[in-house]
């Protein structure tokens, strides 16, 4: 089993503002996995749970909301773990854009 990618992304929009941005852009999140598509998503309190499918793999993911940051966690299956560094770099580059 591989370690999940976890990243904190700061924001200035409060929980409700970020929730609205994530609801509007949840499909864009899938771009961290090549050919990725968000297959399902649901809120559980302040945590957005979603599944990305890409490269024949299913990736369980979540975004937890805080007042000043979000914590993204992407649990890569073993095959995609080979690309963890590239996926982490893409997440670091693209995730802040989703919150603007």
N, C-alpha and C. Protein backbone atom coordinates (compact mmCIF):
# COMPACT_ATOMS: atom_id res chain seq x y z
N UNK A 1 0.85 -1.19 0.00
CA UNK A 1 0.00 0.00 0.00
C UNK A 1 0.89 1.24 0.00
N UNK A 2 0.51 2.23 -0.76
CA UNK A 2 1.30 3.45 -0.86
C UNK A 2 0.75 4.52 0.07
N UNK A 3 1.59 5.48 0.36
CA UNK A 3 1.16 6.63 1.16
C UNK A 3 0.33 7.57 0.28
N UNK A 4 -0.75 8.11 0.79
CA UNK A 4 -1.53 9.06 -0.02
C UNK A 4 -0.77 10.38 -0.17
N UNK A 5 -1.10 11.10 -1.22
CA UNK A 5 -0.59 12.46 -1.40
C UNK A 5 -1.49 13.36 -0.57
N UNK A 6 -0.91 14.12 0.32
CA UNK A 6 -1.66 15.07 1.14
C UNK A 6 -1.03 16.44 0.99
N UNK A 7 -1.87 17.44 0.75
CA UNK A 7 -1.37 18.78 0.52
C UNK A 7 -2.33 19.81 1.11
N UNK A 8 -1.80 20.79 1.83
CA UNK A 8 -2.59 21.90 2.33
C UNK A 8 -2.49 23.06 1.34
N UNK A 9 -3.64 23.64 0.99
CA UNK A 9 -3.70 24.75 0.05
C UNK A 9 -4.38 25.91 0.75
N UNK A 10 -3.65 27.01 0.97
CA UNK A 10 -4.24 28.16 1.67
C UNK A 10 -5.29 28.87 0.81
N UNK A 11 -6.23 29.53 1.50
CA UNK A 11 -7.24 30.34 0.82
C UNK A 11 -7.69 31.46 1.76
N UNK A 12 -8.45 32.40 1.19
CA UNK A 12 -8.95 33.55 1.96
C UNK A 12 -10.47 33.69 1.83
N UNK A 13 -11.17 32.61 1.51
CA UNK A 13 -12.58 32.70 1.16
C UNK A 13 -13.54 32.15 2.20
N UNK A 14 -13.04 31.61 3.30
CA UNK A 14 -13.91 30.99 4.28
C UNK A 14 -14.44 29.67 3.76
N UNK A 15 -15.01 28.90 4.66
CA UNK A 15 -15.48 27.56 4.28
C UNK A 15 -16.59 27.60 3.22
N UNK A 16 -17.54 28.47 3.41
CA UNK A 16 -18.67 28.52 2.46
C UNK A 16 -18.22 28.98 1.08
N UNK A 17 -17.32 29.96 1.04
CA UNK A 17 -16.81 30.42 -0.25
C UNK A 17 -16.05 29.33 -0.99
N UNK A 18 -15.24 28.59 -0.26
CA UNK A 18 -14.48 27.51 -0.89
C UNK A 18 -15.41 26.36 -1.29
N UNK A 19 -16.40 26.09 -0.48
CA UNK A 19 -17.36 25.02 -0.83
C UNK A 19 -18.03 25.35 -2.16
N UNK A 20 -18.44 26.60 -2.36
CA UNK A 20 -19.07 27.00 -3.62
C UNK A 20 -18.10 26.85 -4.79
N UNK A 21 -16.84 27.22 -4.59
CA UNK A 21 -15.84 27.09 -5.66
C UNK A 21 -15.59 25.63 -6.00
N UNK A 22 -15.53 24.77 -4.99
CA UNK A 22 -15.31 23.34 -5.25
C UNK A 22 -16.52 22.71 -5.93
N UNK A 23 -17.73 23.10 -5.51
CA UNK A 23 -18.93 22.58 -6.17
C UNK A 23 -18.94 22.95 -7.66
N UNK A 24 -18.52 24.16 -7.96
CA UNK A 24 -18.52 24.63 -9.35
C UNK A 24 -17.38 24.01 -10.17
N UNK A 25 -16.29 23.61 -9.52
CA UNK A 25 -15.13 23.14 -10.25
C UNK A 25 -14.70 21.71 -9.95
N UNK A 26 -15.57 20.91 -9.36
CA UNK A 26 -15.18 19.56 -8.96
C UNK A 26 -14.67 18.74 -10.15
N UNK A 27 -15.23 18.94 -11.32
CA UNK A 27 -14.78 18.18 -12.49
C UNK A 27 -13.35 18.53 -12.90
N UNK A 28 -12.91 19.75 -12.60
CA UNK A 28 -11.55 20.16 -12.94
C UNK A 28 -10.51 19.47 -12.07
N UNK A 29 -10.92 19.02 -10.90
CA UNK A 29 -10.01 18.35 -9.98
C UNK A 29 -9.43 17.08 -10.61
N UNK A 30 -10.20 16.44 -11.45
CA UNK A 30 -9.78 15.17 -12.07
C UNK A 30 -8.54 15.33 -12.92
N UNK A 31 -8.22 16.54 -13.32
CA UNK A 31 -7.06 16.78 -14.17
C UNK A 31 -5.72 16.42 -13.55
N UNK A 32 -5.69 16.16 -12.25
CA UNK A 32 -4.41 15.76 -11.63
C UNK A 32 -4.00 14.36 -12.05
N UNK A 33 -4.96 13.56 -12.55
CA UNK A 33 -4.67 12.22 -13.06
C UNK A 33 -4.83 12.28 -14.57
N UNK A 34 -3.84 11.86 -15.36
CA UNK A 34 -3.96 11.91 -16.82
C UNK A 34 -5.23 11.19 -17.30
N UNK A 35 -6.03 11.90 -18.07
CA UNK A 35 -7.28 11.34 -18.58
C UNK A 35 -8.35 11.16 -17.52
N UNK A 36 -8.16 11.79 -16.36
CA UNK A 36 -9.05 11.59 -15.23
C UNK A 36 -10.42 12.23 -15.39
N UNK A 37 -11.41 11.57 -14.81
CA UNK A 37 -12.79 12.04 -14.78
C UNK A 37 -13.32 11.80 -13.37
N UNK A 38 -14.03 12.78 -12.82
CA UNK A 38 -14.67 12.59 -11.51
C UNK A 38 -15.92 11.76 -11.74
N UNK A 39 -15.98 10.58 -11.11
CA UNK A 39 -17.11 9.67 -11.29
C UNK A 39 -18.21 9.89 -10.26
N UNK A 40 -17.86 10.29 -9.07
CA UNK A 40 -18.87 10.57 -8.05
C UNK A 40 -18.27 11.54 -7.05
N UNK A 41 -19.15 12.28 -6.40
CA UNK A 41 -18.70 13.17 -5.33
C UNK A 41 -19.86 13.41 -4.37
N UNK A 42 -19.50 13.61 -3.11
CA UNK A 42 -20.50 13.88 -2.08
C UNK A 42 -19.84 14.63 -0.94
N UNK A 43 -20.63 15.44 -0.27
CA UNK A 43 -20.17 16.16 0.91
C UNK A 43 -20.56 15.38 2.15
N UNK A 44 -19.66 15.33 3.10
CA UNK A 44 -19.91 14.79 4.44
C UNK A 44 -19.42 15.86 5.40
N UNK A 45 -20.33 16.74 5.81
CA UNK A 45 -19.92 17.89 6.62
C UNK A 45 -19.04 18.81 5.79
N UNK A 46 -17.83 19.08 6.27
CA UNK A 46 -16.89 19.95 5.56
C UNK A 46 -15.87 19.17 4.74
N UNK A 47 -16.19 17.93 4.41
CA UNK A 47 -15.28 17.11 3.62
C UNK A 47 -15.96 16.66 2.33
N UNK A 48 -15.32 16.97 1.21
CA UNK A 48 -15.78 16.53 -0.10
C UNK A 48 -15.06 15.22 -0.44
N UNK A 49 -15.82 14.15 -0.59
CA UNK A 49 -15.27 12.86 -1.00
C UNK A 49 -15.59 12.68 -2.48
N UNK A 50 -14.60 12.24 -3.26
CA UNK A 50 -14.84 12.01 -4.68
C UNK A 50 -13.91 10.92 -5.19
N UNK A 51 -14.29 10.35 -6.32
CA UNK A 51 -13.51 9.31 -6.97
C UNK A 51 -13.13 9.79 -8.36
N UNK A 52 -11.84 9.69 -8.66
CA UNK A 52 -11.34 10.01 -9.99
C UNK A 52 -11.03 8.69 -10.69
N UNK A 53 -11.47 8.57 -11.94
CA UNK A 53 -11.08 7.42 -12.75
C UNK A 53 -10.21 7.91 -13.89
N UNK A 54 -9.07 7.28 -14.05
CA UNK A 54 -8.14 7.63 -15.11
C UNK A 54 -7.09 6.57 -15.26
N UNK A 55 -6.63 6.35 -16.48
CA UNK A 55 -5.61 5.36 -16.79
C UNK A 55 -6.03 3.97 -16.29
N UNK A 56 -7.34 3.69 -16.35
CA UNK A 56 -7.85 2.40 -15.92
C UNK A 56 -7.82 2.19 -14.41
N UNK A 57 -7.66 3.27 -13.65
CA UNK A 57 -7.54 3.18 -12.20
C UNK A 57 -8.63 4.03 -11.54
N UNK A 58 -8.99 3.64 -10.32
CA UNK A 58 -9.92 4.43 -9.48
C UNK A 58 -9.11 5.04 -8.35
N UNK A 59 -9.27 6.33 -8.15
CA UNK A 59 -8.50 7.06 -7.15
C UNK A 59 -9.46 7.69 -6.14
N UNK A 60 -9.47 7.17 -4.92
CA UNK A 60 -10.29 7.75 -3.86
C UNK A 60 -9.61 9.02 -3.37
N UNK A 61 -10.39 10.10 -3.26
CA UNK A 61 -9.83 11.39 -2.91
C UNK A 61 -10.78 12.13 -1.98
N UNK A 62 -10.22 13.11 -1.27
CA UNK A 62 -11.06 13.97 -0.44
C UNK A 62 -10.41 15.33 -0.28
N UNK A 63 -11.26 16.31 -0.02
CA UNK A 63 -10.82 17.67 0.28
C UNK A 63 -11.54 18.09 1.56
N UNK A 64 -10.77 18.40 2.58
CA UNK A 64 -11.32 18.81 3.86
C UNK A 64 -11.19 20.33 3.98
N UNK A 65 -12.29 21.00 4.32
CA UNK A 65 -12.31 22.46 4.41
C UNK A 65 -11.95 22.94 5.80
N UNK A 66 -11.13 23.97 5.85
CA UNK A 66 -10.81 24.70 7.06
C UNK A 66 -11.03 26.18 6.75
N UNK A 67 -11.02 27.03 7.78
CA UNK A 67 -11.28 28.45 7.56
C UNK A 67 -10.25 29.11 6.66
N UNK A 68 -8.99 28.66 6.70
CA UNK A 68 -7.92 29.32 5.96
C UNK A 68 -7.15 28.42 5.00
N UNK A 69 -7.59 27.16 4.87
CA UNK A 69 -6.91 26.23 3.96
C UNK A 69 -7.85 25.07 3.65
N UNK A 70 -7.49 24.33 2.62
CA UNK A 70 -8.12 23.04 2.36
C UNK A 70 -7.00 22.00 2.40
N UNK A 71 -7.35 20.82 2.84
CA UNK A 71 -6.40 19.71 2.86
C UNK A 71 -6.88 18.68 1.85
N UNK A 72 -6.12 18.55 0.77
CA UNK A 72 -6.44 17.58 -0.28
C UNK A 72 -5.68 16.29 -0.01
N UNK A 73 -6.38 15.17 -0.11
CA UNK A 73 -5.77 13.86 0.07
C UNK A 73 -6.16 12.99 -1.12
N UNK A 74 -5.14 12.48 -1.81
CA UNK A 74 -5.35 11.62 -2.97
C UNK A 74 -4.69 10.29 -2.66
N UNK A 75 -5.50 9.25 -2.60
CA UNK A 75 -5.03 7.92 -2.25
C UNK A 75 -4.77 7.14 -3.54
N UNK A 76 -3.53 7.13 -3.98
CA UNK A 76 -3.18 6.50 -5.25
C UNK A 76 -3.10 4.98 -5.15
N UNK A 77 -3.66 4.29 -6.14
CA UNK A 77 -3.45 2.84 -6.20
C UNK A 77 -2.00 2.57 -6.60
N UNK A 78 -1.51 1.36 -6.37
CA UNK A 78 -0.09 1.07 -6.63
C UNK A 78 0.41 1.45 -8.02
N UNK A 79 -0.38 1.21 -9.07
CA UNK A 79 0.08 1.56 -10.41
C UNK A 79 0.33 3.05 -10.55
N UNK A 80 -0.60 3.88 -10.09
CA UNK A 80 -0.44 5.33 -10.21
C UNK A 80 0.59 5.87 -9.23
N UNK A 81 0.90 5.12 -8.19
CA UNK A 81 1.93 5.56 -7.25
C UNK A 81 3.27 5.75 -7.95
N UNK A 82 3.47 5.07 -9.07
CA UNK A 82 4.69 5.27 -9.86
C UNK A 82 4.80 6.70 -10.36
N UNK A 83 3.66 7.37 -10.49
CA UNK A 83 3.62 8.74 -11.00
C UNK A 83 3.33 9.75 -9.90
N UNK A 84 3.53 9.37 -8.65
CA UNK A 84 3.16 10.21 -7.51
C UNK A 84 3.82 11.59 -7.56
N UNK A 85 5.09 11.66 -7.90
CA UNK A 85 5.79 12.95 -7.92
C UNK A 85 5.17 13.88 -8.97
N UNK A 86 4.85 13.35 -10.15
CA UNK A 86 4.24 14.18 -11.19
C UNK A 86 2.83 14.61 -10.79
N UNK A 87 2.08 13.70 -10.18
CA UNK A 87 0.72 14.04 -9.74
C UNK A 87 0.78 15.08 -8.63
N UNK A 88 1.72 14.94 -7.69
CA UNK A 88 1.89 15.93 -6.61
C UNK A 88 2.23 17.30 -7.20
N UNK A 89 3.14 17.34 -8.17
CA UNK A 89 3.53 18.61 -8.80
C UNK A 89 2.34 19.26 -9.50
N UNK A 90 1.56 18.46 -10.20
CA UNK A 90 0.39 19.01 -10.90
C UNK A 90 -0.65 19.51 -9.91
N UNK A 91 -0.85 18.77 -8.82
CA UNK A 91 -1.78 19.22 -7.78
C UNK A 91 -1.32 20.54 -7.18
N UNK A 92 -0.03 20.66 -6.90
CA UNK A 92 0.51 21.90 -6.32
C UNK A 92 0.32 23.09 -7.27
N UNK A 93 0.41 22.83 -8.55
CA UNK A 93 0.28 23.90 -9.54
C UNK A 93 -1.18 24.26 -9.81
N UNK A 94 -2.04 23.25 -9.95
CA UNK A 94 -3.42 23.47 -10.40
C UNK A 94 -4.43 23.72 -9.27
N UNK A 95 -4.24 23.10 -8.12
CA UNK A 95 -5.23 23.22 -7.04
C UNK A 95 -5.47 24.66 -6.59
N UNK A 96 -4.42 25.48 -6.41
CA UNK A 96 -4.71 26.86 -6.00
C UNK A 96 -5.56 27.62 -7.02
N UNK A 97 -5.46 27.28 -8.30
CA UNK A 97 -6.27 27.94 -9.33
C UNK A 97 -7.76 27.65 -9.13
N UNK A 98 -8.08 26.46 -8.62
CA UNK A 98 -9.49 26.10 -8.41
C UNK A 98 -10.11 26.91 -7.30
N UNK A 99 -9.29 27.45 -6.40
CA UNK A 99 -9.82 28.19 -5.26
C UNK A 99 -9.88 29.69 -5.52
N UNK A 100 -9.50 30.13 -6.71
CA UNK A 100 -9.55 31.58 -7.02
C UNK A 100 -10.83 31.94 -7.72
